[in-house]
Amino acid sequence: MERAASVSHVEYEVITWLRDNIDLASLKQAMSVDKVTDKRWTTGVANVCELLDNMCSRRTHKLPKTHTEYQEKVKA
């Protein structure tokens, strides 16, 4: 891990860490109690993961050029 090069860099690393390290097992156990709520849980978690991935992808061009996930901004 390198030093924080910008606020966007910190945001990217925090979002990535949250996405990869938070254990939702106890929350799932409380919220997903039958077939219907299990489907809701699966859909909801997938939606949140997609949001987090989108938040990360919008910051990759702001990462330090030495970062493994750095990508140049695509101009439309």
N, C-alpha and C. Protein backbone atom coordinates (compact mmCIF):
# COMPACT_ATOMS: atom_id res chain seq x y z
N MET A 1 0.85 -1.18 0.00
CA MET A 1 0.00 0.00 0.00
C MET A 1 0.90 1.23 0.00
N GLU A 2 0.55 2.16 -0.85
CA GLU A 2 1.34 3.38 -0.92
C GLU A 2 0.63 4.52 -0.19
N ARG A 3 1.32 5.61 -0.02
CA ARG A 3 0.76 6.77 0.69
C ARG A 3 -0.42 7.33 -0.09
N ALA A 4 -1.28 8.05 0.61
CA ALA A 4 -2.46 8.65 -0.02
C ALA A 4 -2.02 9.77 -0.95
N ALA A 5 -2.25 9.59 -2.23
CA ALA A 5 -1.81 10.57 -3.22
C ALA A 5 -2.87 11.65 -3.45
N SER A 6 -4.13 11.33 -3.15
CA SER A 6 -5.22 12.29 -3.35
C SER A 6 -6.44 11.80 -2.57
N VAL A 7 -7.43 12.66 -2.46
CA VAL A 7 -8.68 12.27 -1.81
C VAL A 7 -9.33 11.14 -2.61
N SER A 8 -9.30 11.23 -3.92
CA SER A 8 -9.88 10.17 -4.77
C SER A 8 -9.18 8.85 -4.55
N HIS A 9 -7.89 8.89 -4.35
CA HIS A 9 -7.12 7.67 -4.08
C HIS A 9 -7.60 7.04 -2.77
N VAL A 10 -7.77 7.86 -1.74
CA VAL A 10 -8.26 7.36 -0.46
C VAL A 10 -9.66 6.79 -0.62
N GLU A 11 -10.54 7.51 -1.32
CA GLU A 11 -11.90 7.02 -1.54
C GLU A 11 -11.88 5.66 -2.22
N TYR A 12 -11.06 5.51 -3.25
CA TYR A 12 -10.96 4.25 -3.97
C TYR A 12 -10.53 3.12 -3.04
N GLU A 13 -9.51 3.36 -2.25
CA GLU A 13 -8.99 2.33 -1.35
C GLU A 13 -10.01 1.97 -0.26
N VAL A 14 -10.73 2.96 0.26
CA VAL A 14 -11.74 2.69 1.30
C VAL A 14 -12.88 1.87 0.70
N ILE A 15 -13.36 2.26 -0.46
CA ILE A 15 -14.46 1.52 -1.10
C ILE A 15 -14.03 0.09 -1.39
N THR A 16 -12.84 -0.08 -1.91
CA THR A 16 -12.33 -1.42 -2.21
C THR A 16 -12.21 -2.25 -0.94
N TRP A 17 -11.69 -1.65 0.12
CA TRP A 17 -11.54 -2.38 1.38
C TRP A 17 -12.90 -2.78 1.94
N LEU A 18 -13.85 -1.85 1.92
CA LEU A 18 -15.19 -2.16 2.41
C LEU A 18 -15.81 -3.30 1.62
N ARG A 19 -15.70 -3.23 0.30
CA ARG A 19 -16.28 -4.25 -0.57
C ARG A 19 -15.66 -5.62 -0.31
N ASP A 20 -14.38 -5.65 -0.06
CA ASP A 20 -13.67 -6.93 0.06
C ASP A 20 -13.59 -7.51 1.47
N ASN A 21 -13.83 -6.71 2.50
CA ASN A 21 -13.54 -7.17 3.86
C ASN A 21 -14.70 -7.19 4.84
N ILE A 22 -15.82 -6.62 4.50
CA ILE A 22 -16.93 -6.63 5.46
C ILE A 22 -17.67 -7.96 5.36
N ASP A 23 -17.80 -8.60 6.50
CA ASP A 23 -18.49 -9.89 6.58
C ASP A 23 -19.97 -9.63 6.85
N LEU A 24 -20.80 -10.01 5.90
CA LEU A 24 -22.23 -9.78 6.01
C LEU A 24 -23.00 -10.99 6.53
N ALA A 25 -22.30 -12.01 6.99
CA ALA A 25 -22.94 -13.27 7.39
C ALA A 25 -23.99 -13.07 8.49
N SER A 26 -23.67 -12.30 9.52
CA SER A 26 -24.64 -12.13 10.61
C SER A 26 -25.85 -11.31 10.16
N LEU A 27 -25.62 -10.34 9.29
CA LEU A 27 -26.73 -9.56 8.75
C LEU A 27 -27.61 -10.44 7.86
N LYS A 28 -26.98 -11.27 7.05
CA LYS A 28 -27.74 -12.18 6.20
C LYS A 28 -28.58 -13.14 7.05
N GLN A 29 -27.99 -13.64 8.09
CA GLN A 29 -28.70 -14.57 8.97
C GLN A 29 -29.96 -13.92 9.55
N ALA A 30 -29.87 -12.65 9.88
CA ALA A 30 -31.02 -11.95 10.45
C ALA A 30 -32.06 -11.57 9.40
N MET A 31 -31.62 -11.25 8.19
CA MET A 31 -32.54 -10.74 7.18
C MET A 31 -33.07 -11.79 6.21
N SER A 32 -32.31 -12.84 6.00
CA SER A 32 -32.68 -13.85 5.01
C SER A 32 -33.16 -15.11 5.75
N VAL A 33 -34.47 -15.19 5.93
CA VAL A 33 -35.02 -16.27 6.77
C VAL A 33 -35.84 -17.29 6.00
N ASP A 34 -36.13 -17.02 4.73
CA ASP A 34 -36.88 -17.98 3.91
C ASP A 34 -36.51 -17.76 2.45
N LYS A 35 -37.17 -18.49 1.57
CA LYS A 35 -36.83 -18.44 0.14
C LYS A 35 -37.03 -17.03 -0.44
N VAL A 36 -38.11 -16.37 -0.06
CA VAL A 36 -38.41 -15.04 -0.58
C VAL A 36 -37.38 -14.01 -0.10
N THR A 37 -37.11 -14.01 1.20
CA THR A 37 -36.15 -13.04 1.73
C THR A 37 -34.72 -13.37 1.27
N ASP A 38 -34.44 -14.64 0.99
CA ASP A 38 -33.12 -15.00 0.46
C ASP A 38 -32.92 -14.40 -0.92
N LYS A 39 -33.97 -14.43 -1.75
CA LYS A 39 -33.87 -13.83 -3.08
C LYS A 39 -33.70 -12.32 -2.96
N ARG A 40 -34.45 -11.70 -2.05
CA ARG A 40 -34.30 -10.25 -1.83
C ARG A 40 -32.88 -9.92 -1.37
N TRP A 41 -32.35 -10.73 -0.46
CA TRP A 41 -31.00 -10.53 0.05
C TRP A 41 -29.98 -10.60 -1.09
N THR A 42 -30.08 -11.65 -1.88
CA THR A 42 -29.14 -11.86 -2.98
C THR A 42 -29.19 -10.69 -3.97
N THR A 43 -30.39 -10.26 -4.31
CA THR A 43 -30.55 -9.14 -5.25
C THR A 43 -30.02 -7.84 -4.65
N GLY A 44 -30.36 -7.59 -3.39
CA GLY A 44 -29.90 -6.36 -2.74
C GLY A 44 -28.39 -6.29 -2.61
N VAL A 45 -27.76 -7.39 -2.22
CA VAL A 45 -26.30 -7.42 -2.09
C VAL A 45 -25.65 -7.23 -3.46
N ALA A 46 -26.21 -7.87 -4.48
CA ALA A 46 -25.66 -7.70 -5.83
C ALA A 46 -25.76 -6.24 -6.28
N ASN A 47 -26.87 -5.59 -5.96
CA ASN A 47 -27.03 -4.17 -6.33
C ASN A 47 -26.01 -3.29 -5.62
N VAL A 48 -25.78 -3.53 -4.34
CA VAL A 48 -24.81 -2.73 -3.58
C VAL A 48 -23.40 -2.98 -4.11
N CYS A 49 -23.08 -4.23 -4.41
CA CYS A 49 -21.74 -4.54 -4.97
C CYS A 49 -21.54 -3.83 -6.30
N GLU A 50 -22.58 -3.79 -7.12
CA GLU A 50 -22.49 -3.09 -8.40
C GLU A 50 -22.26 -1.59 -8.18
N LEU A 51 -22.95 -1.01 -7.20
CA LEU A 51 -22.74 0.41 -6.87
C LEU A 51 -21.30 0.66 -6.43
N LEU A 52 -20.78 -0.20 -5.56
CA LEU A 52 -19.40 -0.04 -5.09
C LEU A 52 -18.40 -0.19 -6.23
N ASP A 53 -18.63 -1.18 -7.10
CA ASP A 53 -17.75 -1.35 -8.27
C ASP A 53 -17.79 -0.12 -9.17
N ASN A 54 -18.98 0.43 -9.35
CA ASN A 54 -19.12 1.64 -10.17
C ASN A 54 -18.37 2.81 -9.54
N MET A 55 -18.51 2.95 -8.22
CA MET A 55 -17.80 4.03 -7.52
C MET A 55 -16.28 3.89 -7.69
N CYS A 56 -15.79 2.65 -7.63
CA CYS A 56 -14.35 2.42 -7.82
C CYS A 56 -13.94 2.74 -9.26
N SER A 57 -14.72 2.27 -10.21
CA SER A 57 -14.33 2.46 -11.62
C SER A 57 -14.31 3.93 -12.01
N ARG A 58 -15.13 4.75 -11.35
CA ARG A 58 -15.13 6.18 -11.65
C ARG A 58 -13.92 6.91 -11.06
N ARG A 59 -13.10 6.21 -10.31
CA ARG A 59 -11.93 6.83 -9.69
C ARG A 59 -10.60 6.28 -10.21
N THR A 60 -10.61 5.28 -11.05
CA THR A 60 -9.36 4.65 -11.48
C THR A 60 -8.45 5.61 -12.25
N HIS A 61 -9.02 6.57 -12.97
CA HIS A 61 -8.18 7.52 -13.70
C HIS A 61 -7.54 8.56 -12.78
N LYS A 62 -8.01 8.63 -11.54
CA LYS A 62 -7.45 9.58 -10.57
C LYS A 62 -6.42 8.95 -9.64
N LEU A 63 -6.22 7.64 -9.79
CA LEU A 63 -5.22 6.95 -8.97
C LEU A 63 -3.82 7.35 -9.43
N PRO A 64 -2.82 7.16 -8.56
CA PRO A 64 -1.45 7.41 -9.00
C PRO A 64 -1.11 6.50 -10.19
N LYS A 65 -0.34 7.00 -11.12
CA LYS A 65 0.00 6.21 -12.31
C LYS A 65 0.71 4.91 -11.96
N THR A 66 1.29 4.83 -10.79
CA THR A 66 1.99 3.62 -10.37
C THR A 66 1.06 2.58 -9.74
N HIS A 67 -0.18 2.94 -9.50
CA HIS A 67 -1.15 2.04 -8.88
C HIS A 67 -1.51 0.92 -9.87
N THR A 68 -1.68 -0.29 -9.37
CA THR A 68 -1.97 -1.42 -10.25
C THR A 68 -3.32 -1.30 -10.94
N GLU A 69 -4.25 -0.55 -10.39
CA GLU A 69 -5.58 -0.41 -10.98
C GLU A 69 -5.74 0.89 -11.79
N TYR A 70 -4.66 1.67 -11.91
CA TYR A 70 -4.74 2.93 -12.66
C TYR A 70 -5.13 2.67 -14.11
N GLN A 71 -6.05 3.50 -14.61
CA GLN A 71 -6.41 3.47 -16.03
C GLN A 71 -6.57 4.91 -16.50
N GLU A 72 -6.13 5.19 -17.72
CA GLU A 72 -6.30 6.52 -18.24
C GLU A 72 -7.78 6.79 -18.48
N LYS A 73 -8.17 8.05 -18.36
CA LYS A 73 -9.57 8.42 -18.55
C LYS A 73 -9.91 8.28 -20.03
N VAL A 74 -11.03 7.62 -20.29
CA VAL A 74 -11.49 7.47 -21.66
C VAL A 74 -12.33 8.68 -22.01
N LYS A 75 -11.94 9.36 -23.08
CA LYS A 75 -12.68 10.56 -23.50
C LYS A 75 -13.80 10.14 -24.43
N ALA A 76 -14.97 10.66 -24.14
CA ALA A 76 -16.15 10.32 -24.95
C ALA A 76 -16.25 11.11 -26.21
